């Protein structure tokens, strides 16, 4: 089954992005987790490092609240993902559905 969200909700007050998937699973991402996991070439250290799964170490990072982790907008990117626009102007990463599903921080997905 290809994971695709059936709903996306961004809560600036909670600083969370919630995706409900087509299999009924719900993923809740802290904005700081999404920023730390940004899949763009700049954040990943070059084009050679793009396309892989999320780095497991990002789940150990503290939650921070700065302009870098303040959401400005979420924009659909084709039918395969979203681009997140951050308040500091960063908007290079395309978060593909597979990547976001692998990034789910819930206990079930992390075990």
PDB file of N, CA and C in Angstrom:
ATOM      1  N   UNK A   1       0.843  -1.182   0.000  1.00  0.00           N
ATOM      2  CA  UNK A   1       0.000   0.000   0.000  1.00  0.00           C
ATOM      3  C   UNK A   1       0.885   1.241   0.000  1.00  0.00           C
ATOM      4  N   UNK A   2       0.594   2.172  -0.864  1.00  0.00           N
ATOM      5  CA  UNK A   2       1.310   3.439  -0.884  1.00  0.00           C
ATOM      6  C   UNK A   2       0.658   4.379   0.117  1.00  0.00           C
ATOM      7  N   UNK A   3       1.456   4.859   1.071  1.00  0.00           N
ATOM      8  CA  UNK A   3       0.863   5.769   2.062  1.00  0.00           C
ATOM      9  C   UNK A   3       0.523   7.116   1.435  1.00  0.00           C
ATOM     10  N   UNK A   4      -0.682   7.551   1.685  1.00  0.00           N
ATOM     11  CA  UNK A   4      -1.128   8.881   1.266  1.00  0.00           C
ATOM     12  C   UNK A   4      -2.039   9.415   2.352  1.00  0.00           C
ATOM     13  N   UNK A   5      -1.897  10.687   2.678  1.00  0.00           N
ATOM     14  CA  UNK A   5      -2.779  11.244   3.706  1.00  0.00           C
ATOM     15  C   UNK A   5      -4.180  11.505   3.168  1.00  0.00           C
ATOM     16  N   UNK A   6      -5.146  11.292   4.033  1.00  0.00           N
ATOM     17  CA  UNK A   6      -6.523  11.638   3.700  1.00  0.00           C
ATOM     18  C   UNK A   6      -6.878  12.995   4.290  1.00  0.00           C
ATOM     19  N   UNK A   7      -6.083  13.445   5.270  1.00  0.00           N
ATOM     20  CA  UNK A   7      -6.253  14.800   5.804  1.00  0.00           C
ATOM     21  C   UNK A   7      -4.925  15.286   6.368  1.00  0.00           C
ATOM     22  N   UNK A   8      -4.750  16.606   6.288  1.00  0.00           N
ATOM     23  CA  UNK A   8      -3.555  17.274   6.805  1.00  0.00           C
ATOM     24  C   UNK A   8      -4.034  18.472   7.602  1.00  0.00           C
ATOM     25  N   UNK A   9      -3.537  18.591   8.842  1.00  0.00           N
ATOM     26  CA  UNK A   9      -3.918  19.720   9.688  1.00  0.00           C
ATOM     27  C   UNK A   9      -2.663  20.312  10.311  1.00  0.00           C
ATOM     28  N   UNK A  10      -2.443  21.584  10.087  1.00  0.00           N
ATOM     29  CA  UNK A  10      -1.312  22.285  10.696  1.00  0.00           C
ATOM     30  C   UNK A  10      -1.848  23.177  11.808  1.00  0.00           C
ATOM     31  N   UNK A  11      -1.377  22.961  13.021  1.00  0.00           N
ATOM     32  CA  UNK A  11      -1.794  23.770  14.165  1.00  0.00           C
ATOM     33  C   UNK A  11      -0.621  24.629  14.614  1.00  0.00           C
ATOM     34  N   UNK A  12      -0.717  25.917  14.346  1.00  0.00           N
ATOM     35  CA  UNK A  12       0.350  26.820  14.778  1.00  0.00           C
ATOM     36  C   UNK A  12       0.364  26.959  16.296  1.00  0.00           C
ATOM     37  N   UNK A  13      -0.788  26.875  16.941  1.00  0.00           N
ATOM     38  CA  UNK A  13      -0.827  27.004  18.402  1.00  0.00           C
ATOM     39  C   UNK A  13      -0.155  25.816  19.088  1.00  0.00           C
ATOM     40  N   UNK A  14      -0.346  24.609  18.543  1.00  0.00           N
ATOM     41  CA  UNK A  14       0.288  23.412  19.107  1.00  0.00           C
ATOM     42  C   UNK A  14       1.671  23.165  18.518  1.00  0.00           C
ATOM     43  N   UNK A  15       1.977  23.865  17.401  1.00  0.00           N
ATOM     44  CA  UNK A  15       3.236  23.675  16.672  1.00  0.00           C
ATOM     45  C   UNK A  15       3.391  22.225  16.213  1.00  0.00           C
ATOM     46  N   UNK A  16       2.295  21.735  15.619  1.00  0.00           N
ATOM     47  CA  UNK A  16       2.239  20.351  15.159  1.00  0.00           C
ATOM     48  C   UNK A  16       1.556  20.253  13.799  1.00  0.00           C
ATOM     49  N   UNK A  17       2.016  19.283  13.026  1.00  0.00           N
ATOM     50  CA  UNK A  17       1.374  18.921  11.768  1.00  0.00           C
ATOM     51  C   UNK A  17       0.824  17.515  11.947  1.00  0.00           C
ATOM     52  N   UNK A  18      -0.476  17.342  11.700  1.00  0.00           N
ATOM     53  CA  UNK A  18      -1.120  16.041  11.868  1.00  0.00           C
ATOM     54  C   UNK A  18      -1.569  15.523  10.509  1.00  0.00           C
ATOM     55  N   UNK A  19      -1.155  14.295  10.207  1.00  0.00           N
ATOM     56  CA  UNK A  19      -1.574  13.628   8.980  1.00  0.00           C
ATOM     57  C   UNK A  19      -2.361  12.383   9.348  1.00  0.00           C
ATOM     58  N   UNK A  20      -3.528  12.227   8.752  1.00  0.00           N
ATOM     59  CA  UNK A  20      -4.286  10.989   8.858  1.00  0.00           C
ATOM     60  C   UNK A  20      -4.077  10.266   7.535  1.00  0.00           C
ATOM     61  N   UNK A  21      -3.608   9.018   7.636  1.00  0.00           N
ATOM     62  CA  UNK A  21      -3.223   8.256   6.450  1.00  0.00           C
ATOM     63  C   UNK A  21      -4.369   7.392   5.926  1.00  0.00           C
ATOM     64  N   UNK A  22      -4.243   6.942   4.682  1.00  0.00           N
ATOM     65  CA  UNK A  22      -5.286   6.150   4.034  1.00  0.00           C
ATOM     66  C   UNK A  22      -5.476   4.773   4.671  1.00  0.00           C
ATOM     67  N   UNK A  23      -4.598   4.371   5.593  1.00  0.00           N
ATOM     68  CA  UNK A  23      -4.809   3.128   6.330  1.00  0.00           C
ATOM     69  C   UNK A  23      -5.354   3.390   7.738  1.00  0.00           C
ATOM     70  N   UNK A  24      -5.707   4.660   8.027  1.00  0.00           N
ATOM     71  CA  UNK A  24      -6.282   5.022   9.308  1.00  0.00           C
ATOM     72  C   UNK A  24      -5.276   5.468  10.353  1.00  0.00           C
ATOM     73  N   UNK A  25      -3.993   5.262  10.103  1.00  0.00           N
ATOM     74  CA  UNK A  25      -2.957   5.679  11.050  1.00  0.00           C
ATOM     75  C   UNK A  25      -2.913   7.201  11.119  1.00  0.00           C
ATOM     76  N   UNK A  26      -2.608   7.740  12.307  1.00  0.00           N
ATOM     77  CA  UNK A  26      -2.481   9.185  12.499  1.00  0.00           C
ATOM     78  C   UNK A  26      -1.061   9.486  12.953  1.00  0.00           C
ATOM     79  N   UNK A  27      -0.403  10.405  12.261  1.00  0.00           N
ATOM     80  CA  UNK A  27       0.949  10.830  12.600  1.00  0.00           C
ATOM     81  C   UNK A  27       0.910  12.292  13.031  1.00  0.00           C
ATOM     82  N   UNK A  28       1.542  12.583  14.168  1.00  0.00           N
ATOM     83  CA  UNK A  28       1.614  13.949  14.678  1.00  0.00           C
ATOM     84  C   UNK A  28       3.087  14.337  14.758  1.00  0.00           C
ATOM     85  N   UNK A  29       3.460  15.354  14.000  1.00  0.00           N
ATOM     86  CA  UNK A  29       4.845  15.793  13.899  1.00  0.00           C
ATOM     87  C   UNK A  29       5.010  17.168  14.542  1.00  0.00           C
ATOM     88  N   UNK A  30       5.941  17.294  15.477  1.00  0.00           N
ATOM     89  CA  UNK A  30       6.313  18.615  15.985  1.00  0.00           C
ATOM     90  C   UNK A  30       6.980  19.374  14.844  1.00  0.00           C
ATOM     91  N   UNK A  31       6.716  20.666  14.752  1.00  0.00           N
ATOM     92  CA  UNK A  31       7.348  21.461  13.698  1.00  0.00           C
ATOM     93  C   UNK A  31       8.865  21.341  13.762  1.00  0.00           C
ATOM     94  N   UNK A  32       9.428  21.297  14.983  1.00  0.00           N
ATOM     95  CA  UNK A  32      10.886  21.212  15.096  1.00  0.00           C
ATOM     96  C   UNK A  32      11.417  19.887  14.547  1.00  0.00           C
ATOM     97  N   UNK A  33      10.645  18.808  14.665  1.00  0.00           N
ATOM     98  CA  UNK A  33      11.055  17.530  14.085  1.00  0.00           C
ATOM     99  C   UNK A  33      11.085  17.634  12.560  1.00  0.00           C
ATOM    100  N   UNK A  34      10.054  18.238  11.986  1.00  0.00           N
ATOM    101  CA  UNK A  34       9.999  18.394  10.533  1.00  0.00           C
ATOM    102  C   UNK A  34      11.168  19.234  10.024  1.00  0.00           C
ATOM    103  N   UNK A  35      11.477  20.308  10.739  1.00  0.00           N
ATOM    104  CA  UNK A  35      12.588  21.159  10.301  1.00  0.00           C
ATOM    105  C   UNK A  35      13.913  20.402  10.413  1.00  0.00           C
ATOM    106  N   UNK A  36      14.098  19.664  11.491  1.00  0.00           N
ATOM    107  CA  UNK A  36      15.336  18.896  11.676  1.00  0.00           C
ATOM    108  C   UNK A  36      15.482  17.813  10.606  1.00  0.00           C
ATOM    109  N   UNK A  37      14.354  17.296  10.124  1.00  0.00           N
ATOM    110  CA  UNK A  37      14.377  16.211   9.133  1.00  0.00           C
ATOM    111  C   UNK A  37      14.294  16.717   7.699  1.00  0.00           C
ATOM    112  N   UNK A  38      14.365  18.019   7.495  1.00  0.00           N
ATOM    113  CA  UNK A  38      14.192  18.581   6.151  1.00  0.00           C
ATOM    114  C   UNK A  38      15.012  17.790   5.127  1.00  0.00           C
ATOM    115  N   UNK A  39      14.348  17.304   4.070  1.00  0.00           N
ATOM    116  CA  UNK A  39      15.028  16.457   3.089  1.00  0.00           C
ATOM    117  C   UNK A  39      15.742  17.210   1.966  1.00  0.00           C
ATOM    118  N   UNK A  40      15.864  18.527   2.059  1.00  0.00           N
ATOM    119  CA  UNK A  40      16.496  19.266   0.959  1.00  0.00           C
ATOM    120  C   UNK A  40      18.008  19.040   0.936  1.00  0.00           C
ATOM    121  N   UNK A  41      18.616  19.332  -0.195  1.00  0.00           N
ATOM    122  CA  UNK A  41      20.055  19.135  -0.375  1.00  0.00           C
ATOM    123  C   UNK A  41      20.862  19.972   0.615  1.00  0.00           C
ATOM    124  N   UNK A  42      20.409  21.192   0.885  1.00  0.00           N
ATOM    125  CA  UNK A  42      21.122  22.062   1.821  1.00  0.00           C
ATOM    126  C   UNK A  42      21.158  21.447   3.223  1.00  0.00           C
ATOM    127  N   UNK A  43      20.035  20.961   3.697  1.00  0.00           N
ATOM    128  CA  UNK A  43      19.951  20.393   5.045  1.00  0.00           C
ATOM    129  C   UNK A  43      20.569  18.999   5.128  1.00  0.00           C
ATOM    130  N   UNK A  44      20.524  18.254   4.041  1.00  0.00           N
ATOM    131  CA  UNK A  44      21.049  16.893   4.020  1.00  0.00           C
ATOM    132  C   UNK A  44      22.533  16.836   3.669  1.00  0.00           C
ATOM    133  N   UNK A  45      23.130  17.979   3.343  1.00  0.00           N
ATOM    134  CA  UNK A  45      24.556  17.988   3.046  1.00  0.00           C
ATOM    135  C   UNK A  45      24.889  17.597   1.617  1.00  0.00           C
ATOM    136  N   UNK A  46      24.043  17.948   0.680  1.00  0.00           N
ATOM    137  CA  UNK A  46      24.319  17.688  -0.727  1.00  0.00           C
ATOM    138  C   UNK A  46      23.330  16.736  -1.367  1.00  0.00           C
ATOM    139  N   UNK A  47      23.310  16.754  -2.674  1.00  0.00           N
ATOM    140  CA  UNK A  47      22.363  15.942  -3.441  1.00  0.00           C
ATOM    141  C   UNK A  47      22.560  14.446  -3.240  1.00  0.00           C
ATOM    142  N   UNK A  48      23.785  14.018  -2.990  1.00  0.00           N
ATOM    143  CA  UNK A  48      24.051  12.587  -2.796  1.00  0.00           C
ATOM    144  C   UNK A  48      23.339  12.025  -1.571  1.00  0.00           C
ATOM    145  N   UNK A  49      23.003  12.881  -0.615  1.00  0.00           N
ATOM    146  CA  UNK A  49      22.381  12.429   0.635  1.00  0.00           C
ATOM    147  C   UNK A  49      20.860  12.525   0.630  1.00  0.00           C
ATOM    148  N   UNK A  50      20.308  12.997  -0.465  1.00  0.00           N
ATOM    149  CA  UNK A  50      18.855  13.133  -0.563  1.00  0.00           C
ATOM    150  C   UNK A  50      18.225  11.792  -0.918  1.00  0.00           C
ATOM    151  N   UNK A  51      16.955  11.646  -0.601  1.00  0.00           N
ATOM    152  CA  UNK A  51      16.198  10.477  -1.033  1.00  0.00           C
ATOM    153  C   UNK A  51      16.216   9.320  -0.064  1.00  0.00           C
ATOM    154  N   UNK A  52      17.075   9.368   0.927  1.00  0.00           N
ATOM    155  CA  UNK A  52      17.132   8.279   1.892  1.00  0.00           C
ATOM    156  C   UNK A  52      16.110   8.451   2.999  1.00  0.00           C
ATOM    157  N   UNK A  53      16.072   7.491   3.890  1.00  0.00           N
ATOM    158  CA  UNK A  53      15.140   7.578   5.011  1.00  0.00           C
ATOM    159  C   UNK A  53      15.577   8.651   5.999  1.00  0.00           C
ATOM    160  N   UNK A  54      14.689   9.050   6.892  1.00  0.00           N
ATOM    161  CA  UNK A  54      15.065  10.039   7.908  1.00  0.00           C
ATOM    162  C   UNK A  54      16.193   9.497   8.792  1.00  0.00           C
ATOM    163  N   UNK A  55      17.060  10.379   9.229  1.00  0.00           N
ATOM    164  CA  UNK A  55      18.137  10.019  10.149  1.00  0.00           C
ATOM    165  C   UNK A  55      17.521   9.700  11.513  1.00  0.00           C
ATOM    166  N   UNK A  56      17.740   8.494  12.058  1.00  0.00           N
ATOM    167  CA  UNK A  56      17.149   8.129  13.349  1.00  0.00           C
ATOM    168  C   UNK A  56      17.556   9.059  14.484  1.00  0.00           C
ATOM    169  N   UNK A  57      18.688   9.727  14.358  1.00  0.00           N
ATOM    170  CA  UNK A  57      19.153  10.630  15.410  1.00  0.00           C
ATOM    171  C   UNK A  57      18.268  11.844  15.625  1.00  0.00           C
ATOM    172  N   UNK A  58      17.456  12.202  14.633  1.00  0.00           N
ATOM    173  CA  UNK A  58      16.621  13.398  14.797  1.00  0.00           C
ATOM    174  C   UNK A  58      15.546  13.224  15.859  1.00  0.00           C
ATOM    175  N   UNK A  59      15.234  11.972  16.208  1.00  0.00           N
ATOM    176  CA  UNK A  59      14.209  11.741  17.221  1.00  0.00           C
ATOM    177  C   UNK A  59      14.733  12.038  18.629  1.00  0.00           C
ATOM    178  N   UNK A  60      16.047  12.218  18.750  1.00  0.00           N
ATOM    179  CA  UNK A  60      16.655  12.523  20.043  1.00  0.00           C
ATOM    180  C   UNK A  60      16.823  14.020  20.267  1.00  0.00           C
ATOM    181  N   UNK A  61      16.589  14.830  19.234  1.00  0.00           N
ATOM    182  CA  UNK A  61      16.795  16.266  19.344  1.00  0.00           C
ATOM    183  C   UNK A  61      15.705  16.918  20.185  1.00  0.00           C
ATOM    184  N   UNK A  62      16.057  17.971  20.935  1.00  0.00           N
ATOM    185  CA  UNK A  62      15.043  18.673  21.731  1.00  0.00           C
ATOM    186  C   UNK A  62      14.087  19.456  20.838  1.00  0.00           C
ATOM    187  N   UNK A  63      12.886  19.684  21.327  1.00  0.00           N
ATOM    188  CA  UNK A  63      11.915  20.512  20.617  1.00  0.00           C
ATOM    189  C   UNK A  63      12.306  21.963  20.841  1.00  0.00           C
ATOM    190  N   UNK A  64      12.462  22.702  19.750  1.00  0.00           N
ATOM    191  CA  UNK A  64      12.824  24.109  19.852  1.00  0.00           C
ATOM    192  C   UNK A  64      11.767  24.955  19.161  1.00  0.00           C
ATOM    193  N   UNK A  65      11.697  26.218  19.557  1.00  0.00           N
ATOM    194  CA  UNK A  65      10.710  27.136  18.993  1.00  0.00           C
ATOM    195  C   UNK A  65      11.427  28.415  18.571  1.00  0.00           C
ATOM    196  N   UNK A  66      11.720  28.509  17.285  1.00  0.00           N
ATOM    197  CA  UNK A  66      12.390  29.682  16.732  1.00  0.00           C
ATOM    198  C   UNK A  66      11.730  30.005  15.394  1.00  0.00           C
ATOM    199  N   UNK A  67      12.233  31.039  14.729  1.00  0.00           N
ATOM    200  CA  UNK A  67      11.730  31.350  13.382  1.00  0.00           C
ATOM    201  C   UNK A  67      11.972  30.183  12.444  1.00  0.00           C
ATOM    202  N   UNK A  68      13.052  29.420  12.694  1.00  0.00           N
ATOM    203  CA  UNK A  68      13.352  28.267  11.851  1.00  0.00           C
ATOM    204  C   UNK A  68      12.296  27.182  11.974  1.00  0.00           C
ATOM    205  N   UNK A  69      11.618  27.108  13.119  1.00  0.00           N
ATOM    206  CA  UNK A  69      10.619  26.060  13.335  1.00  0.00           C
ATOM    207  C   UNK A  69       9.198  26.611  13.371  1.00  0.00           C
ATOM    208  N   UNK A  70       9.029  27.863  12.963  1.00  0.00           N
ATOM    209  CA  UNK A  70       7.690  28.448  12.891  1.00  0.00           C
ATOM    210  C   UNK A  70       7.155  28.289  11.472  1.00  0.00           C
ATOM    211  N   UNK A  71       6.033  27.641  11.360  1.00  0.00           N
ATOM    212  CA  UNK A  71       5.437  27.334  10.067  1.00  0.00           C
ATOM    213  C   UNK A  71       4.775  28.561   9.466  1.00  0.00           C
ATOM    214  N   UNK A  72       5.074  28.812   8.213  1.00  0.00           N
ATOM    215  CA  UNK A  72       4.415  29.879   7.467  1.00  0.00           C
ATOM    216  C   UNK A  72       3.285  29.313   6.626  1.00  0.00           C
ATOM    217  N   UNK A  73       3.567  28.187   5.938  1.00  0.00           N
ATOM    218  CA  UNK A  73       2.548  27.596   5.069  1.00  0.00           C
ATOM    219  C   UNK A  73       2.952  26.164   4.715  1.00  0.00           C
ATOM    220  N   UNK A  74       1.971  25.394   4.281  1.00  0.00           N
ATOM    221  CA  UNK A  74       2.174  24.044   3.758  1.00  0.00           C
ATOM    222  C   UNK A  74       1.543  24.026   2.373  1.00  0.00           C
ATOM    223  N   UNK A  75       2.323  23.599   1.376  1.00  0.00           N
ATOM    224  CA  UNK A  75       1.866  23.640  -0.005  1.00  0.00           C
ATOM    225  C   UNK A  75       1.961  22.240  -0.608  1.00  0.00           C
ATOM    226  N   UNK A  76       0.909  21.820  -1.283  1.00  0.00           N
ATOM    227  CA  UNK A  76       0.935  20.527  -1.975  1.00  0.00           C
ATOM    228  C   UNK A  76       1.988  20.563  -3.075  1.00  0.00           C
ATOM    229  N   UNK A  77       2.718  19.465  -3.202  1.00  0.00           N
ATOM    230  CA  UNK A  77       3.721  19.319  -4.255  1.00  0.00           C
ATOM    231  C   UNK A  77       3.298  18.120  -5.091  1.00  0.00           C
ATOM    232  N   UNK A  78       2.670  18.394  -6.201  1.00  0.00           N
ATOM    233  CA  UNK A  78       2.125  17.316  -7.022  1.00  0.00           C
ATOM    234  C   UNK A  78       1.175  16.468  -6.201  1.00  0.00           C
ATOM    235  N   UNK A  79       1.158  15.176  -6.482  1.00  0.00           N
ATOM    236  CA  UNK A  79       0.315  14.255  -5.704  1.00  0.00           C
ATOM    237  C   UNK A  79       1.177  13.382  -4.800  1.00  0.00           C
ATOM    238  N   UNK A  80       2.446  13.760  -4.618  1.00  0.00           N
ATOM    239  CA  UNK A  80       3.389  12.890  -3.903  1.00  0.00           C
ATOM    240  C   UNK A  80       3.955  13.470  -2.626  1.00  0.00           C
ATOM    241  N   UNK A  81       3.580  14.708  -2.251  1.00  0.00           N
ATOM    242  CA  UNK A  81       4.125  15.255  -1.023  1.00  0.00           C
ATOM    243  C   UNK A  81       3.724  16.692  -0.784  1.00  0.00           C
ATOM    244  N   UNK A  82       4.438  17.302   0.160  1.00  0.00           N
ATOM    245  CA  UNK A  82       4.200  18.698   0.520  1.00  0.00           C
ATOM    246  C   UNK A  82       5.538  19.424   0.632  1.00  0.00           C
ATOM    247  N   UNK A  83       5.473  20.727   0.469  1.00  0.00           N
ATOM    248  CA  UNK A  83       6.597  21.602   0.756  1.00  0.00           C
ATOM    249  C   UNK A  83       6.185  22.463   1.934  1.00  0.00           C
ATOM    250  N   UNK A  84       7.079  22.564   2.913  1.00  0.00           N
ATOM    251  CA  UNK A  84       6.799  23.376   4.089  1.00  0.00           C
ATOM    252  C   UNK A  84       7.575  24.675   3.961  1.00  0.00           C
ATOM    253  N   UNK A  85       6.866  25.771   4.115  1.00  0.00           N
ATOM    254  CA  UNK A  85       7.482  27.089   4.092  1.00  0.00           C
ATOM    255  C   UNK A  85       7.628  27.550   5.534  1.00  0.00           C
ATOM    256  N   UNK A  86       8.866  27.868   5.923  1.00  0.00           N
ATOM    257  CA  UNK A  86       9.155  28.275   7.297  1.00  0.00           C
ATOM    258  C   UNK A  86       9.271  29.791   7.377  1.00  0.00           C
ATOM    259  N   UNK A  87       9.031  30.336   8.551  1.00  0.00           N
ATOM    260  CA  UNK A  87       9.062  31.791   8.755  1.00  0.00           C
ATOM    261  C   UNK A  87      10.418  32.406   8.438  1.00  0.00           C
ATOM    262  N   UNK A  88      11.497  31.642   8.523  1.00  0.00           N
ATOM    263  CA  UNK A  88      12.824  32.192   8.216  1.00  0.00           C
ATOM    264  C   UNK A  88      13.121  32.183   6.717  1.00  0.00           C
ATOM    265  N   UNK A  89      12.144  31.761   5.897  1.00  0.00           N
ATOM    266  CA  UNK A  89      12.301  31.780   4.446  1.00  0.00           C
ATOM    267  C   UNK A  89      12.714  30.456   3.836  1.00  0.00           C
ATOM    268  N   UNK A  90      13.079  29.484   4.641  1.00  0.00           N
ATOM    269  CA  UNK A  90      13.496  28.182   4.117  1.00  0.00           C
ATOM    270  C   UNK A  90      12.266  27.454   3.556  1.00  0.00           C
ATOM    271  N   UNK A  91      12.371  26.984   2.310  1.00  0.00           N
ATOM    272  CA  UNK A  91      11.239  26.278   1.696  1.00  0.00           C
ATOM    273  C   UNK A  91      11.720  25.328   0.604  1.00  0.00           C
ATOM    274  N   UNK A  92      12.869  24.681   0.826  1.00  0.00           N
ATOM    275  CA  UNK A  92      13.480  23.882  -0.227  1.00  0.00           C
ATOM    276  C   UNK A  92      13.116  22.408  -0.184  1.00  0.00           C
ATOM    277  N   UNK A  93      12.742  21.896   0.968  1.00  0.00           N
ATOM    278  CA  UNK A  93      12.524  20.460   1.098  1.00  0.00           C
ATOM    279  C   UNK A  93      11.153  20.017   0.629  1.00  0.00           C
ATOM    280  N   UNK A  94      11.130  18.944  -0.141  1.00  0.00           N
ATOM    281  CA  UNK A  94       9.866  18.313  -0.518  1.00  0.00           C
ATOM    282  C   UNK A  94       9.722  17.074   0.355  1.00  0.00           C
ATOM    283  N   UNK A  95       8.716  17.088   1.192  1.00  0.00           N
ATOM    284  CA  UNK A  95       8.448  15.975   2.096  1.00  0.00           C
ATOM    285  C   UNK A  95       7.510  15.005   1.391  1.00  0.00           C
ATOM    286  N   UNK A  96       8.080  13.955   0.811  1.00  0.00           N
ATOM    287  CA  UNK A  96       7.279  12.963   0.090  1.00  0.00           C
ATOM    288  C   UNK A  96       6.506  12.116   1.095  1.00  0.00           C
ATOM    289  N   UNK A  97       5.387  11.567   0.648  1.00  0.00           N
ATOM    290  CA  UNK A  97       4.533  10.781   1.547  1.00  0.00           C
ATOM    291  C   UNK A  97       5.295   9.643   2.201  1.00  0.00           C
ATOM    292  N   UNK A  98       6.088   8.893   1.448  1.00  0.00           N
ATOM    293  CA  UNK A  98       6.850   7.777   2.029  1.00  0.00           C
ATOM    294  C   UNK A  98       7.796   8.261   3.122  1.00  0.00           C
ATOM    295  N   UNK A  99       8.470   9.386   2.864  1.00  0.00           N
ATOM    296  CA  UNK A  99       9.402   9.948   3.833  1.00  0.00           C
ATOM    297  C   UNK A  99       8.661  10.339   5.115  1.00  0.00           C
ATOM    298  N   UNK A 100       7.522  11.006   4.962  1.00  0.00           N
ATOM    299  CA  UNK A 100       6.746  11.411   6.139  1.00  0.00           C
ATOM    300  C   UNK A 100       6.252  10.207   6.929  1.00  0.00           C
ATOM    301  N   UNK A 101       5.853   9.161   6.240  1.00  0.00           N
ATOM    302  CA  UNK A 101       5.391   7.970   6.962  1.00  0.00           C
ATOM    303  C   UNK A 101       6.549   7.335   7.735  1.00  0.00           C
ATOM    304  N   UNK A 102       7.735   7.298   7.135  1.00  0.00           N
ATOM    305  CA  UNK A 102       8.910   6.780   7.831  1.00  0.00           C
ATOM    306  C   UNK A 102       9.322   7.678   8.991  1.00  0.00           C
ATOM    307  N   UNK A 103       8.963   8.942   8.922  1.00  0.00           N
ATOM    308  CA  UNK A 103       9.310   9.921   9.951  1.00  0.00           C
ATOM    309  C   UNK A 103       8.326   9.927  11.119  1.00  0.00           C
ATOM    310  N   UNK A 104       7.241   9.190  11.019  1.00  0.00           N
ATOM    311  CA  UNK A 104       6.230   9.200  12.077  1.00  0.00           C
ATOM    312  C   UNK A 104       6.876   8.929  13.441  1.00  0.00           C
ATOM    313  N   UNK A 105       6.677   9.836  14.400  1.00  0.00           N
ATOM    314  CA  UNK A 105       7.344   9.685  15.693  1.00  0.00           C
ATOM    315  C   UNK A 105       6.568   8.855  16.727  1.00  0.00           C
ATOM    316  N   UNK A 106       5.449   8.278  16.356  1.00  0.00           N
ATOM    317  CA  UNK A 106       4.640   7.557  17.348  1.00  0.00           C
ATOM    318  C   UNK A 106       5.368   6.286  17.831  1.00  0.00           C
ATOM    319  N   UNK A 107       4.981   5.819  18.996  1.00  0.00           N
ATOM    320  CA  UNK A 107       5.613   4.630  19.586  1.00  0.00           C
ATOM    321  C   UNK A 107       5.502   3.406  18.667  1.00  0.00           C
ATOM    322  N   UNK A 108       4.341   3.257  18.037  1.00  0.00           N
ATOM    323  CA  UNK A 108       4.127   2.104  17.138  1.00  0.00           C
ATOM    324  C   UNK A 108       5.132   2.122  15.982  1.00  0.00           C
ATOM    325  N   UNK A 109       5.325   3.254  15.376  1.00  0.00           N
ATOM    326  CA  UNK A 109       6.230   3.350  14.223  1.00  0.00           C
ATOM    327  C   UNK A 109       7.701   3.339  14.637  1.00  0.00           C
ATOM    328  N   UNK A 110       8.021   3.801  15.834  1.00  0.00           N
ATOM    329  CA  UNK A 110       9.407   3.851  16.280  1.00  0.00           C
ATOM    330  C   UNK A 110       9.886   2.532  16.847  1.00  0.00           C
ATOM    331  N   UNK A 111       8.962   1.576  17.111  1.00  0.00           N
ATOM    332  CA  UNK A 111       9.404   0.289  17.690  1.00  0.00           C
ATOM    333  C   UNK A 111       9.876  -0.677  16.626  1.00  0.00           C
TER     334      UNK A 111
END
